[in-house]
């Protein structure tokens, strides 16, 4: 039984897309998002995103999975983006599994990013200097 090239290519793209996230990041550092994308040449899509970080007001990389309305295709994608406080915007490159085509998209939506860091050390307590020694008595 011969596996069609399109299926093999789709599986390879999906595996590559899912493998690009850093393996060193802990789950608490990952950011998540839900939003809409405009895929050039195909129209609107809705999808989910996972970002390499959850810090607000910073650039990041991410992976996602979109559902493209025009052809009912799933579209794994990788991209670069900006996480604001509760929102994201991104530019992504994807592969539409429904039509077997690479494409470019832009997206925006809600994210769990905030200014509160999970990986910054807690502030150290204020340490006061010791009191001066008592004066010496002449002796």
N, C-alpha and C. Protein backbone atom coordinates (compact mmCIF):
# COMPACT_ATOMS: atom_id res chain seq x y z
N UNK A 1 0.84 -1.17 0.00
CA UNK A 1 0.00 0.00 0.00
C UNK A 1 0.89 1.24 0.00
N UNK A 2 0.69 2.10 -0.97
CA UNK A 2 1.49 3.31 -1.10
C UNK A 2 0.76 4.47 -0.44
N UNK A 3 1.47 5.21 0.43
CA UNK A 3 0.90 6.38 1.10
C UNK A 3 1.07 7.58 0.18
N UNK A 4 -0.02 8.32 -0.08
CA UNK A 4 0.07 9.47 -0.98
C UNK A 4 1.06 10.52 -0.44
N UNK A 5 1.74 11.20 -1.37
CA UNK A 5 2.72 12.22 -1.01
C UNK A 5 2.08 13.33 -0.18
N UNK A 6 0.85 13.71 -0.52
CA UNK A 6 0.17 14.78 0.21
C UNK A 6 -0.03 14.43 1.68
N UNK A 7 -0.39 13.18 1.97
CA UNK A 7 -0.56 12.73 3.35
C UNK A 7 0.77 12.71 4.08
N UNK A 8 1.81 12.22 3.41
CA UNK A 8 3.14 12.19 4.01
C UNK A 8 3.64 13.59 4.31
N UNK A 9 3.45 14.50 3.37
CA UNK A 9 3.87 15.88 3.56
C UNK A 9 3.09 16.53 4.69
N UNK A 10 1.80 16.27 4.75
CA UNK A 10 0.97 16.84 5.82
C UNK A 10 1.44 16.37 7.19
N UNK A 11 1.74 15.09 7.31
CA UNK A 11 2.21 14.55 8.59
C UNK A 11 3.56 15.14 8.96
N UNK A 12 4.44 15.32 7.98
CA UNK A 12 5.76 15.90 8.24
C UNK A 12 5.64 17.35 8.70
N UNK A 13 4.77 18.11 8.06
CA UNK A 13 4.59 19.51 8.45
C UNK A 13 4.00 19.60 9.84
N UNK A 14 3.03 18.78 10.15
CA UNK A 14 2.41 18.79 11.47
C UNK A 14 3.43 18.42 12.55
N UNK A 15 4.24 17.40 12.30
CA UNK A 15 5.26 16.99 13.27
C UNK A 15 6.30 18.10 13.48
N UNK A 16 6.70 18.75 12.41
CA UNK A 16 7.66 19.85 12.52
C UNK A 16 7.06 21.01 13.28
N UNK A 17 5.82 21.34 12.98
CA UNK A 17 5.15 22.45 13.67
C UNK A 17 5.08 22.20 15.17
N UNK A 18 4.69 21.01 15.56
CA UNK A 18 4.56 20.70 16.97
C UNK A 18 5.92 20.57 17.66
N UNK A 19 6.97 20.32 16.90
CA UNK A 19 8.30 20.15 17.48
C UNK A 19 9.11 21.41 17.64
N UNK A 20 8.63 22.55 17.15
CA UNK A 20 9.44 23.77 17.22
C UNK A 20 9.39 24.47 18.56
N UNK A 21 8.46 24.15 19.42
CA UNK A 21 8.41 24.81 20.73
C UNK A 21 9.61 24.36 21.56
N UNK A 22 10.17 25.27 22.32
CA UNK A 22 11.32 24.90 23.14
C UNK A 22 10.96 23.83 24.15
N UNK A 23 11.83 22.85 24.28
CA UNK A 23 11.56 21.78 25.23
C UNK A 23 11.99 22.15 26.63
N UNK A 24 12.69 23.27 26.79
CA UNK A 24 13.16 23.66 28.11
C UNK A 24 12.13 24.48 28.88
N UNK A 25 11.13 25.00 28.23
CA UNK A 25 10.13 25.83 28.93
C UNK A 25 9.22 24.94 29.77
N UNK A 26 8.92 25.40 30.95
CA UNK A 26 7.97 24.65 31.78
C UNK A 26 6.56 25.06 31.38
N UNK A 27 5.60 24.25 31.73
CA UNK A 27 4.22 24.53 31.34
C UNK A 27 3.70 25.84 31.93
N UNK A 28 4.23 26.25 33.08
CA UNK A 28 3.75 27.50 33.68
C UNK A 28 4.24 28.72 32.92
N UNK A 29 5.28 28.57 32.09
CA UNK A 29 5.81 29.70 31.33
C UNK A 29 5.13 29.86 29.97
N UNK A 30 4.40 28.87 29.52
CA UNK A 30 3.77 28.93 28.21
C UNK A 30 2.55 29.84 28.24
N UNK A 31 2.36 30.56 27.14
CA UNK A 31 1.18 31.39 27.00
C UNK A 31 0.21 30.74 26.03
N UNK A 32 -1.07 31.03 26.18
CA UNK A 32 -2.09 30.45 25.33
C UNK A 32 -2.98 31.54 24.77
N UNK A 33 -3.58 31.28 23.62
CA UNK A 33 -4.48 32.26 23.04
C UNK A 33 -5.53 31.63 22.15
N UNK A 34 -6.60 32.36 21.95
CA UNK A 34 -7.69 31.98 21.05
C UNK A 34 -8.01 33.20 20.22
N UNK A 35 -8.12 33.03 18.90
CA UNK A 35 -8.39 34.20 18.08
C UNK A 35 -8.78 33.89 16.66
N UNK A 36 -8.76 34.93 15.84
CA UNK A 36 -9.07 34.79 14.43
C UNK A 36 -7.85 35.17 13.61
N UNK A 37 -7.76 34.60 12.43
CA UNK A 37 -6.67 34.90 11.51
C UNK A 37 -7.24 35.21 10.14
N UNK A 38 -6.52 36.01 9.39
CA UNK A 38 -6.83 36.19 7.98
C UNK A 38 -5.71 35.50 7.22
N UNK A 39 -6.06 34.48 6.47
CA UNK A 39 -5.10 33.72 5.69
C UNK A 39 -5.16 34.25 4.26
N UNK A 40 -4.05 34.78 3.77
CA UNK A 40 -4.02 35.38 2.44
C UNK A 40 -4.34 34.34 1.38
N UNK A 41 -5.32 34.64 0.55
CA UNK A 41 -5.76 33.74 -0.50
C UNK A 41 -6.84 32.76 -0.07
N UNK A 42 -7.15 32.70 1.23
CA UNK A 42 -8.15 31.74 1.71
C UNK A 42 -9.21 32.36 2.61
N UNK A 43 -8.94 33.49 3.20
CA UNK A 43 -9.95 34.16 4.01
C UNK A 43 -9.79 33.92 5.50
N UNK A 44 -10.91 34.02 6.21
CA UNK A 44 -10.91 33.96 7.68
C UNK A 44 -10.74 32.55 8.22
N UNK A 45 -10.11 32.49 9.39
CA UNK A 45 -9.92 31.24 10.11
C UNK A 45 -10.01 31.54 11.60
N UNK A 46 -10.34 30.53 12.37
CA UNK A 46 -10.38 30.65 13.82
C UNK A 46 -9.45 29.59 14.38
N UNK A 47 -8.76 29.90 15.48
CA UNK A 47 -7.82 28.91 15.98
C UNK A 47 -7.33 29.17 17.38
N UNK A 48 -6.44 28.27 17.80
CA UNK A 48 -5.80 28.34 19.11
C UNK A 48 -4.30 28.49 18.91
N UNK A 49 -3.63 29.09 19.89
CA UNK A 49 -2.19 29.33 19.82
C UNK A 49 -1.55 28.93 21.14
N UNK A 50 -0.29 28.53 21.06
CA UNK A 50 0.56 28.33 22.24
C UNK A 50 1.82 29.14 22.01
N UNK A 51 2.17 29.98 22.99
CA UNK A 51 3.32 30.87 22.86
C UNK A 51 4.45 30.41 23.78
N UNK A 52 5.68 30.75 23.40
CA UNK A 52 6.85 30.32 24.16
C UNK A 52 6.94 30.99 25.52
N UNK A 53 6.20 32.06 25.75
CA UNK A 53 6.25 32.78 27.01
C UNK A 53 4.87 33.37 27.30
N UNK A 54 4.63 33.72 28.55
CA UNK A 54 3.34 34.32 28.90
C UNK A 54 3.50 35.74 29.45
N UNK A 55 4.64 36.36 29.18
CA UNK A 55 4.89 37.73 29.64
C UNK A 55 4.22 38.73 28.71
N UNK A 56 3.48 39.66 29.29
CA UNK A 56 2.81 40.70 28.50
C UNK A 56 3.82 41.74 28.02
N UNK A 57 3.46 42.41 26.95
CA UNK A 57 4.25 43.50 26.37
C UNK A 57 5.62 43.04 25.90
N UNK A 58 5.67 41.85 25.29
CA UNK A 58 6.91 41.30 24.76
C UNK A 58 6.62 40.54 23.47
N UNK A 59 7.65 40.43 22.63
CA UNK A 59 7.57 39.61 21.44
C UNK A 59 7.77 38.15 21.81
N UNK A 60 7.25 37.25 20.99
CA UNK A 60 7.36 35.83 21.27
C UNK A 60 7.21 35.03 19.98
N UNK A 61 7.45 33.74 20.06
CA UNK A 61 7.18 32.81 18.96
C UNK A 61 6.06 31.89 19.41
N UNK A 62 5.39 31.29 18.45
CA UNK A 62 4.29 30.41 18.83
C UNK A 62 3.93 29.42 17.74
N UNK A 63 3.12 28.46 18.13
CA UNK A 63 2.54 27.51 17.19
C UNK A 63 1.03 27.57 17.35
N UNK A 64 0.33 27.13 16.33
CA UNK A 64 -1.11 27.18 16.41
C UNK A 64 -1.78 26.18 15.49
N UNK A 65 -3.09 26.09 15.64
CA UNK A 65 -3.92 25.27 14.76
C UNK A 65 -5.16 26.08 14.44
N UNK A 66 -5.38 26.33 13.15
CA UNK A 66 -6.52 27.12 12.70
C UNK A 66 -7.49 26.24 11.92
N UNK A 67 -8.75 26.64 11.92
CA UNK A 67 -9.77 26.04 11.06
C UNK A 67 -10.13 27.11 10.04
N UNK A 68 -9.86 26.81 8.75
CA UNK A 68 -10.12 27.76 7.66
C UNK A 68 -11.53 27.53 7.14
N UNK A 69 -12.37 28.58 7.21
CA UNK A 69 -13.77 28.44 6.84
C UNK A 69 -13.98 28.18 5.35
N UNK A 70 -13.18 28.80 4.48
CA UNK A 70 -13.43 28.72 3.04
C UNK A 70 -13.30 27.32 2.47
N UNK A 71 -12.43 26.49 3.05
CA UNK A 71 -12.25 25.15 2.51
C UNK A 71 -12.33 24.07 3.58
N UNK A 72 -12.77 24.43 4.78
CA UNK A 72 -12.94 23.49 5.90
C UNK A 72 -11.66 22.72 6.21
N UNK A 73 -10.52 23.37 6.03
CA UNK A 73 -9.24 22.71 6.27
C UNK A 73 -8.62 23.11 7.59
N UNK A 74 -7.89 22.17 8.18
CA UNK A 74 -7.08 22.48 9.35
C UNK A 74 -5.75 23.04 8.88
N UNK A 75 -5.20 23.97 9.66
CA UNK A 75 -3.99 24.68 9.24
C UNK A 75 -3.02 24.82 10.42
N UNK A 76 -2.09 23.86 10.60
CA UNK A 76 -1.05 24.07 11.61
C UNK A 76 -0.15 25.21 11.16
N UNK A 77 0.34 26.01 12.13
CA UNK A 77 1.16 27.16 11.75
C UNK A 77 2.18 27.49 12.82
N UNK A 78 3.23 28.19 12.40
CA UNK A 78 4.25 28.73 13.29
C UNK A 78 4.38 30.21 12.99
N UNK A 79 4.75 30.99 13.99
CA UNK A 79 4.87 32.41 13.71
C UNK A 79 5.53 33.19 14.81
N UNK A 80 5.62 34.49 14.56
CA UNK A 80 6.13 35.44 15.54
C UNK A 80 4.98 36.34 15.94
N UNK A 81 5.02 36.83 17.16
CA UNK A 81 3.90 37.65 17.60
C UNK A 81 4.28 38.58 18.72
N UNK A 82 3.30 39.35 19.13
CA UNK A 82 3.43 40.28 20.24
C UNK A 82 2.32 39.98 21.23
N UNK A 83 2.69 39.80 22.50
CA UNK A 83 1.70 39.57 23.54
C UNK A 83 1.48 40.86 24.31
N UNK A 84 0.27 41.36 24.28
CA UNK A 84 -0.10 42.50 25.11
C UNK A 84 -0.70 41.97 26.41
N UNK A 85 -1.25 42.84 27.21
CA UNK A 85 -1.86 42.42 28.46
C UNK A 85 -3.27 41.90 28.19
N UNK A 86 -3.37 40.60 27.87
CA UNK A 86 -4.65 39.98 27.60
C UNK A 86 -4.99 39.82 26.13
N UNK A 87 -4.07 40.16 25.23
CA UNK A 87 -4.32 40.01 23.80
C UNK A 87 -3.02 39.65 23.09
N UNK A 88 -3.14 39.21 21.82
CA UNK A 88 -1.96 38.94 21.01
C UNK A 88 -2.21 39.37 19.58
N UNK A 89 -1.14 39.55 18.85
CA UNK A 89 -1.16 39.76 17.41
C UNK A 89 -0.02 38.95 16.84
N UNK A 90 -0.21 38.31 15.69
CA UNK A 90 0.88 37.51 15.14
C UNK A 90 0.89 37.49 13.63
N UNK A 91 2.02 37.09 13.10
CA UNK A 91 2.24 36.83 11.68
C UNK A 91 2.70 35.38 11.61
N UNK A 92 2.00 34.55 10.80
CA UNK A 92 2.32 33.13 10.83
C UNK A 92 2.37 32.52 9.45
N UNK A 93 3.14 31.43 9.36
CA UNK A 93 3.26 30.62 8.16
C UNK A 93 2.61 29.28 8.47
N UNK A 94 1.68 28.87 7.62
CA UNK A 94 0.96 27.63 7.88
C UNK A 94 0.89 26.73 6.67
N UNK A 95 0.40 25.52 6.91
CA UNK A 95 0.19 24.54 5.84
C UNK A 95 -1.24 24.04 5.97
N UNK A 96 -2.07 24.34 4.97
CA UNK A 96 -3.46 23.93 4.99
C UNK A 96 -3.55 22.46 4.61
N UNK A 97 -3.93 21.63 5.57
CA UNK A 97 -4.02 20.19 5.33
C UNK A 97 -5.16 19.84 4.38
N UNK A 98 -6.17 20.71 4.28
CA UNK A 98 -7.31 20.44 3.40
C UNK A 98 -6.98 20.55 1.93
N UNK A 99 -6.14 21.53 1.58
CA UNK A 99 -5.81 21.74 0.16
C UNK A 99 -4.34 21.49 -0.15
N UNK A 100 -3.54 21.18 0.87
CA UNK A 100 -2.13 20.86 0.65
C UNK A 100 -1.32 22.04 0.17
N UNK A 101 -1.44 23.17 0.84
CA UNK A 101 -0.78 24.39 0.36
C UNK A 101 -0.23 25.20 1.54
N UNK A 102 1.00 25.73 1.37
CA UNK A 102 1.58 26.65 2.34
C UNK A 102 0.97 28.03 2.14
N UNK A 103 0.83 28.78 3.24
CA UNK A 103 0.23 30.11 3.14
C UNK A 103 0.70 30.99 4.29
N UNK A 104 0.40 32.27 4.17
CA UNK A 104 0.77 33.26 5.16
C UNK A 104 -0.49 33.84 5.78
N UNK A 105 -0.45 34.11 7.07
CA UNK A 105 -1.62 34.67 7.74
C UNK A 105 -1.24 35.67 8.81
N UNK A 106 -2.20 36.51 9.17
CA UNK A 106 -2.06 37.43 10.30
C UNK A 106 -3.23 37.17 11.24
N UNK A 107 -2.97 37.28 12.52
CA UNK A 107 -4.03 36.97 13.47
C UNK A 107 -4.00 37.85 14.69
N UNK A 108 -5.09 37.82 15.43
CA UNK A 108 -5.22 38.56 16.68
C UNK A 108 -6.26 37.87 17.54
N UNK A 109 -6.16 38.07 18.85
CA UNK A 109 -7.14 37.48 19.74
C UNK A 109 -6.78 37.64 21.20
N UNK A 110 -7.48 36.87 22.04
CA UNK A 110 -7.28 36.89 23.48
C UNK A 110 -6.08 36.02 23.84
N UNK A 111 -5.31 36.43 24.85
CA UNK A 111 -4.24 35.59 25.38
C UNK A 111 -4.23 35.67 26.90
N UNK A 112 -3.56 34.71 27.52
CA UNK A 112 -3.47 34.71 28.98
C UNK A 112 -2.25 35.48 29.48
N UNK A 113 -1.63 36.27 28.63
CA UNK A 113 -0.44 37.02 29.02
C UNK A 113 -0.79 38.12 30.02
N UNK A 114 0.10 38.31 30.97
CA UNK A 114 -0.06 39.42 31.92
C UNK A 114 1.31 39.87 32.39
N UNK A 115 1.35 40.95 33.14
CA UNK A 115 2.61 41.48 33.63
C UNK A 115 3.14 40.73 34.84
N UNK A 116 2.37 39.82 35.38
CA UNK A 116 2.82 39.07 36.55
C UNK A 116 3.62 37.87 36.08
N UNK A 117 4.87 37.81 36.46
CA UNK A 117 5.74 36.73 36.02
C UNK A 117 5.67 35.54 36.96
N UNK A 118 5.71 34.37 36.36
CA UNK A 118 5.78 33.14 37.15
C UNK A 118 7.22 32.72 37.40
N UNK A 119 8.15 33.30 36.65
CA UNK A 119 9.52 32.83 36.73
C UNK A 119 10.50 33.88 37.24
N UNK A 120 10.03 34.99 37.73
CA UNK A 120 10.92 35.98 38.33
C UNK A 120 11.06 35.67 39.81
N UNK A 121 12.29 35.87 40.36
CA UNK A 121 12.44 35.61 41.80
C UNK A 121 11.65 36.62 42.62
N UNK A 122 11.23 36.19 43.77
CA UNK A 122 10.50 37.09 44.67
C UNK A 122 11.44 38.19 45.15
N UNK A 123 10.90 39.33 45.43
CA UNK A 123 11.72 40.45 45.90
C UNK A 123 12.34 40.08 47.24
N UNK A 124 13.61 40.43 47.40
CA UNK A 124 14.28 40.13 48.66
C UNK A 124 13.79 41.09 49.74
N UNK A 125 13.72 40.62 50.97
CA UNK A 125 13.26 41.51 52.05
C UNK A 125 14.29 42.61 52.29
N UNK A 126 13.83 43.74 52.78
CA UNK A 126 14.75 44.83 53.12
C UNK A 126 15.55 44.43 54.34
N UNK A 127 16.86 44.41 54.17
CA UNK A 127 17.75 44.06 55.28
C UNK A 127 18.35 45.35 55.81
N UNK A 128 18.11 45.61 57.08
CA UNK A 128 18.63 46.82 57.72
C UNK A 128 20.04 46.55 58.23
N UNK A 129 20.90 47.58 58.17
CA UNK A 129 22.25 47.38 58.72
C UNK A 129 22.17 47.24 60.25
N UNK A 130 23.14 46.56 60.83
CA UNK A 130 23.11 46.39 62.29
C UNK A 130 23.32 47.74 62.98
N UNK A 131 22.84 47.87 64.20
CA UNK A 131 23.04 49.14 64.93
C UNK A 131 24.53 49.34 65.24
N UNK A 132 24.95 50.59 65.39
CA UNK A 132 26.37 50.83 65.70
C UNK A 132 26.70 50.30 67.10
N UNK A 133 27.96 49.94 67.30
CA UNK A 133 28.34 49.42 68.63
C UNK A 133 28.26 50.54 69.68
N UNK A 134 28.06 50.18 70.93
CA UNK A 134 28.02 51.20 71.98
C UNK A 134 29.39 51.88 72.13
N UNK A 135 29.41 53.12 72.59
CA UNK A 135 30.70 53.81 72.74
C UNK A 135 31.57 53.11 73.79
N UNK A 136 32.88 53.15 73.57
CA UNK A 136 33.84 52.53 74.48
C UNK A 136 34.10 53.45 75.68
N UNK A 137 34.21 52.89 76.87
CA UNK A 137 34.54 53.64 78.09
C UNK A 137 36.07 53.72 78.21
N UNK A 138 36.58 54.94 78.48
CA UNK A 138 38.04 55.02 78.65
C UNK A 138 38.47 54.23 79.90
N UNK A 139 39.53 53.57 79.78
CA UNK A 139 39.81 52.81 80.92
C UNK A 139 41.12 52.63 81.40
